[in-house]
Amino acid sequence: MALLSIKQTWLPSGMSVDRVFGAVILGLWLITSVIVSAEDSKAEALVLDKLRAARGDFTYVLLGDAGIPGYKRVAVENGPTLYVAADGSHFFDGTAYAIAPGGFVDIADQLLVEVRKQAFAGRESADMIVFPAKGVTRAKINIFTDIDCGYCRKLHNEVDQLNAYGIEVRYLAYPRAGLESLSYQKIVTAWCATNPQDTLTRLKQGETLPMETCEPNPVAEHFTLGLELGVTGTPAVIMMDGTLVPGYQPASAFAEMLGLL
């Protein structure tokens, strides 16, 4: 009681002890958050510095926490996803699993489902090549594609069928050979064409067309986004709920997954 009386002697008029203590706690939380954020940034910079010092010929994209205490997740352009110790001393690649009641859980995929969902929830399709649904749009799928990928071509042959199911197909560029490759030039040609749909289709059919370029174009941004969302090959189909379907599936399989059959 005496302590409370002492505290009240220096409080501003009309301010309760609870309000003051609440403000102090909030202030301490904000300070702690800034310190933690600064430490995270320092650790992330350290990881990238160590990787570049070891192999500066690779391009790295930091994807954030790995879901494993003390590790960061880093994508290598045209390479694997690495799980790197926060001090940059070592890494491992491959699939990391959490041991959970009832089974093993793919950590990367679990982390990325919500990230993928949010990435496409409010994303406009203006920088994509879109093949709209026939009639009412019943669903949308987002496909990271490459011109020279055989299974991408096979899936593209079924776009009309997907559209007939009411599925809007939204393409993003993912030149698997990287941003300095012929595949990159081909896919930029599609995105920079006067008729991107027709050009993409003709390129996927194996036609040789004059290479085109334009600035800005979204191919590099799409490629980086794919790395961030866990795309490692093509075709990679991301549903609007964040599910990633790697590789080729027939149109009927997608319709079934989406509850359209």
Protein backbone atom coordinates (compact mmCIF):
# COMPACT_ATOMS: atom_id res chain seq x y z
CA MET A 1 0.00 0.00 0.00
CA ALA A 2 2.85 2.33 0.83
CA LEU A 3 4.47 1.56 -2.49
CA LEU A 4 1.26 2.39 -4.33
CA SER A 5 1.05 5.72 -2.49
CA ILE A 6 4.62 6.59 -3.48
CA LYS A 7 3.89 5.76 -7.12
CA GLN A 8 0.79 7.88 -7.13
CA THR A 9 2.69 10.97 -5.94
CA TRP A 10 4.54 11.33 -9.28
CA LEU A 11 1.72 10.32 -11.64
CA PRO A 12 0.27 13.04 -13.89
CA SER A 13 -3.22 14.10 -12.89
CA GLY A 14 -5.86 11.67 -14.10
CA MET A 15 -3.41 8.89 -15.07
CA SER A 16 -3.74 5.54 -13.33
CA VAL A 17 -0.92 3.26 -12.22
CA ASP A 18 -2.17 0.61 -14.65
CA ARG A 19 -1.98 3.02 -17.60
CA VAL A 20 1.59 4.02 -16.73
CA PHE A 21 2.73 0.44 -16.27
CA GLY A 22 0.96 -0.50 -19.54
CA ALA A 23 2.82 2.27 -21.38
CA VAL A 24 6.13 1.13 -19.86
CA ILE A 25 5.50 -2.47 -20.92
CA LEU A 26 4.53 -1.35 -24.43
CA GLY A 27 7.69 0.75 -24.64
CA LEU A 28 9.86 -2.14 -23.53
CA TRP A 29 8.16 -4.42 -26.10
CA LEU A 30 8.81 -1.90 -28.88
CA ILE A 31 12.47 -1.54 -27.87
CA THR A 32 12.85 -5.33 -27.73
CA SER A 33 11.20 -5.68 -31.15
CA VAL A 34 13.63 -3.17 -32.66
CA ILE A 35 16.58 -5.00 -31.11
CA VAL A 36 15.33 -8.40 -32.33
CA SER A 37 14.66 -6.98 -35.81
CA ALA A 38 18.14 -5.50 -35.95
CA GLU A 39 19.65 -8.80 -34.81
CA ASP A 40 17.66 -10.69 -37.47
CA SER A 41 18.88 -8.31 -40.17
CA LYS A 42 22.46 -8.70 -38.94
CA ALA A 43 22.16 -12.50 -38.99
CA GLU A 44 20.65 -12.48 -42.49
CA ALA A 45 23.42 -10.21 -43.80
CA LEU A 46 26.02 -12.49 -42.19
CA VAL A 47 24.55 -15.59 -43.85
CA LEU A 48 24.58 -13.98 -47.30
CA ASP A 49 28.09 -12.57 -46.78
CA LYS A 50 29.45 -16.00 -45.80
CA LEU A 51 27.80 -17.72 -48.78
CA ARG A 52 29.06 -15.11 -51.25
CA ALA A 53 32.56 -15.30 -49.81
CA ALA A 54 32.54 -19.07 -50.29
CA ARG A 55 30.91 -19.17 -53.73
CA GLY A 56 30.50 -15.74 -55.22
CA ASP A 57 29.60 -17.24 -58.58
CA PHE A 58 26.14 -18.19 -57.27
CA THR A 59 23.15 -15.89 -56.83
CA TYR A 60 21.39 -16.24 -53.46
CA VAL A 61 17.89 -15.24 -52.40
CA LEU A 62 17.24 -15.11 -48.67
CA LEU A 63 13.80 -16.59 -47.95
CA GLY A 64 13.66 -16.00 -44.19
CA ASP A 65 13.54 -18.31 -41.19
CA ALA A 66 13.73 -22.00 -42.01
CA GLY A 67 11.30 -23.23 -39.40
CA ILE A 68 14.28 -24.90 -37.71
CA PRO A 69 15.75 -23.10 -34.68
CA GLY A 70 18.97 -21.33 -35.60
CA TYR A 71 18.66 -21.70 -39.38
CA LYS A 72 17.76 -19.49 -42.34
CA ARG A 73 16.37 -20.66 -45.67
CA VAL A 74 18.24 -19.51 -48.79
CA ALA A 75 17.46 -20.28 -52.44
CA VAL A 76 20.28 -20.65 -54.95
CA GLU A 77 19.36 -19.43 -58.44
CA ASN A 78 19.19 -22.51 -60.68
CA GLY A 79 20.05 -24.62 -57.66
CA PRO A 80 18.72 -26.06 -54.43
CA THR A 81 17.22 -24.48 -51.35
CA LEU A 82 19.75 -24.35 -48.52
CA TYR A 83 19.20 -24.44 -44.78
CA VAL A 84 22.01 -22.23 -43.46
CA ALA A 85 23.12 -21.84 -39.84
CA ALA A 86 22.47 -18.31 -38.57
CA ASP A 87 26.21 -17.80 -38.03
CA GLY A 88 26.90 -18.79 -41.65
CA SER A 89 29.17 -21.65 -40.57
CA HIS A 90 27.46 -24.53 -42.40
CA PHE A 91 24.36 -25.58 -44.32
CA PHE A 92 22.48 -28.61 -45.56
CA ASP A 93 20.15 -29.01 -48.50
CA GLY A 94 17.30 -31.34 -49.33
CA THR A 95 13.94 -31.63 -47.61
CA ALA A 96 13.73 -30.91 -43.89
CA TYR A 97 10.96 -32.54 -41.88
CA ALA A 98 9.51 -31.73 -38.49
CA ILE A 99 8.73 -34.74 -36.32
CA ALA A 100 5.10 -34.27 -35.33
CA PRO A 101 2.49 -36.48 -33.66
CA GLY A 102 1.12 -38.75 -36.35
CA GLY A 103 3.82 -38.24 -38.94
CA PHE A 104 6.56 -36.15 -40.52
CA VAL A 105 5.82 -32.65 -41.85
CA ASP A 106 7.68 -31.00 -44.74
CA ILE A 107 8.79 -27.79 -43.02
CA ALA A 108 9.37 -25.71 -46.14
CA ASP A 109 6.00 -26.56 -47.67
CA GLN A 110 4.18 -25.94 -44.39
CA LEU A 111 5.79 -22.51 -44.08
CA LEU A 112 5.06 -21.62 -47.69
CA VAL A 113 1.38 -22.54 -47.99
CA GLU A 114 0.23 -19.33 -46.31
CA VAL A 115 2.96 -17.29 -48.04
CA ARG A 116 1.78 -18.53 -51.44
CA LYS A 117 -1.85 -17.88 -50.57
CA GLN A 118 -1.09 -14.30 -49.57
CA ALA A 119 1.15 -13.77 -52.62
CA PHE A 120 -1.75 -14.41 -54.98
CA ALA A 121 -4.70 -13.25 -52.87
CA GLY A 122 -4.44 -9.64 -53.95
CA ARG A 123 -2.13 -9.94 -56.93
CA GLU A 124 -3.32 -8.38 -60.16
CA SER A 125 -2.94 -10.45 -63.31
CA ALA A 126 -1.76 -7.56 -65.53
CA ASP A 127 1.82 -8.89 -65.62
CA MET A 128 0.74 -12.48 -66.31
CA ILE A 129 -0.27 -14.14 -69.57
CA VAL A 130 -3.87 -15.11 -68.89
CA PHE A 131 -6.09 -17.63 -70.66
CA PRO A 132 -9.57 -16.84 -69.30
CA ALA A 133 -12.20 -19.38 -68.42
CA LYS A 134 -14.96 -20.10 -70.90
CA GLY A 135 -18.18 -18.73 -69.46
CA VAL A 136 -18.23 -18.30 -65.68
CA THR A 137 -14.84 -18.34 -63.92
CA ARG A 138 -15.11 -21.11 -61.35
CA ALA A 139 -11.45 -21.24 -60.29
CA LYS A 140 -8.00 -19.81 -60.99
CA ILE A 141 -4.61 -21.47 -61.15
CA ASN A 142 -1.18 -19.82 -61.35
CA ILE A 143 1.42 -21.66 -63.41
CA PHE A 144 5.16 -20.96 -63.36
CA THR A 145 6.23 -22.02 -66.84
CA ASP A 146 9.25 -22.36 -69.10
CA ILE A 147 9.24 -22.39 -72.92
CA ASP A 148 11.64 -25.34 -73.26
CA CYS A 149 10.02 -27.57 -70.63
CA GLY A 150 8.40 -30.64 -72.23
CA TYR A 151 5.78 -31.10 -69.54
CA CYS A 152 4.98 -27.37 -69.67
CA ARG A 153 4.19 -27.84 -73.35
CA LYS A 154 2.07 -30.89 -72.57
CA LEU A 155 0.09 -28.96 -69.95
CA HIS A 156 -0.30 -26.01 -72.30
CA ASN A 157 -1.94 -28.32 -74.84
CA GLU A 158 -4.72 -28.78 -72.26
CA VAL A 159 -5.34 -25.10 -71.54
CA ASP A 160 -8.50 -25.12 -73.68
CA GLN A 161 -9.82 -28.02 -71.62
CA LEU A 162 -8.93 -26.23 -68.38
CA ASN A 163 -10.76 -23.14 -69.62
CA ALA A 164 -13.77 -25.29 -70.55
CA TYR A 165 -13.95 -26.48 -66.92
CA GLY A 166 -14.22 -22.81 -65.90
CA ILE A 167 -10.57 -22.56 -64.81
CA GLU A 168 -8.68 -19.34 -65.54
CA VAL A 169 -5.04 -20.13 -66.34
CA ARG A 170 -2.58 -17.44 -65.25
CA TYR A 171 1.01 -17.91 -66.42
CA LEU A 172 4.13 -16.57 -64.72
CA ALA A 173 7.60 -16.83 -66.26
CA TYR A 174 10.16 -19.21 -64.79
CA PRO A 175 13.11 -19.78 -67.16
CA ARG A 176 14.72 -22.77 -65.47
CA ALA A 177 18.13 -22.15 -67.02
CA GLY A 178 18.34 -18.72 -65.36
CA LEU A 179 18.17 -15.07 -66.33
CA GLU A 180 21.13 -15.16 -68.72
CA SER A 181 19.86 -18.07 -70.81
CA LEU A 182 18.22 -18.61 -74.19
CA SER A 183 15.13 -19.81 -72.31
CA TYR A 184 14.99 -16.40 -70.66
CA GLN A 185 15.15 -14.65 -74.05
CA LYS A 186 12.37 -16.86 -75.41
CA ILE A 187 10.03 -16.25 -72.52
CA VAL A 188 10.74 -12.50 -72.55
CA THR A 189 9.74 -12.61 -76.22
CA ALA A 190 6.34 -13.99 -75.22
CA TRP A 191 5.79 -11.37 -72.52
CA CYS A 192 6.87 -8.52 -74.80
CA ALA A 193 4.80 -9.61 -77.81
CA THR A 194 1.82 -7.71 -79.15
CA ASN A 195 -0.21 -10.89 -78.67
CA PRO A 196 1.39 -12.69 -75.69
CA GLN A 197 -1.11 -15.57 -75.69
CA ASP A 198 -0.50 -16.45 -79.33
CA THR A 199 3.28 -15.98 -79.07
CA LEU A 200 3.52 -18.14 -75.96
CA THR A 201 1.52 -20.88 -77.66
CA ARG A 202 3.63 -20.77 -80.83
CA LEU A 203 6.89 -20.87 -78.86
CA LYS A 204 5.62 -23.83 -76.84
CA GLN A 205 4.77 -25.58 -80.11
CA GLY A 206 8.44 -25.28 -81.08
CA GLU A 207 8.23 -22.42 -83.56
CA THR A 208 11.33 -20.29 -84.00
CA LEU A 209 10.37 -16.65 -83.67
CA PRO A 210 12.48 -13.45 -83.69
CA MET A 211 13.64 -12.65 -80.18
CA GLU A 212 12.01 -9.57 -78.69
CA THR A 213 12.67 -7.60 -75.55
CA CYS A 214 11.05 -4.73 -73.73
CA GLU A 215 11.61 -2.75 -70.57
CA PRO A 216 10.23 -3.14 -68.08
CA ASN A 217 9.23 -6.79 -68.27
CA PRO A 218 8.25 -8.97 -65.30
CA VAL A 219 10.28 -12.10 -66.07
CA ALA A 220 13.05 -11.54 -63.51
CA GLU A 221 10.49 -10.62 -60.85
CA HIS A 222 8.45 -13.75 -61.61
CA PHE A 223 11.59 -15.88 -61.41
CA THR A 224 12.53 -14.46 -58.01
CA LEU A 225 8.95 -14.87 -56.77
CA GLY A 226 9.04 -18.50 -57.84
CA LEU A 227 12.20 -19.09 -55.81
CA GLU A 228 10.60 -17.44 -52.80
CA LEU A 229 7.48 -19.60 -53.10
CA GLY A 230 9.37 -22.87 -53.31
CA VAL A 231 9.31 -23.44 -57.06
CA THR A 232 12.17 -25.71 -58.07
CA GLY A 233 11.01 -26.88 -61.50
CA THR A 234 8.31 -26.44 -64.11
CA PRO A 235 5.45 -26.60 -64.55
CA ALA A 236 4.69 -25.53 -60.98
CA VAL A 237 1.01 -24.85 -60.36
CA ILE A 238 0.00 -22.80 -57.34
CA MET A 239 -3.64 -22.95 -56.34
CA MET A 240 -5.31 -19.92 -54.79
CA ASP A 241 -5.30 -21.67 -51.38
CA GLY A 242 -1.47 -21.78 -51.48
CA THR A 243 -1.13 -25.45 -52.45
CA LEU A 244 1.77 -26.16 -54.80
CA VAL A 245 1.24 -28.89 -57.39
CA PRO A 246 4.65 -29.69 -58.96
CA GLY A 247 4.91 -31.21 -62.40
CA TYR A 248 2.34 -32.17 -64.99
CA GLN A 249 -1.20 -33.19 -64.16
CA PRO A 250 -4.00 -33.62 -66.73
CA ALA A 251 -6.73 -31.00 -66.92
CA SER A 252 -9.27 -33.40 -65.42
CA ALA A 253 -7.05 -33.88 -62.34
CA PHE A 254 -6.97 -30.13 -61.71
CA ALA A 255 -10.74 -29.94 -62.15
CA GLU A 256 -11.11 -32.71 -59.58
CA MET A 257 -8.70 -31.05 -57.13
CA LEU A 258 -10.70 -27.85 -57.42
CA GLY A 259 -14.01 -29.61 -56.82
CA LEU A 260 -15.31 -28.94 -60.32
CA LEU A 261 -16.05 -32.58 -61.17
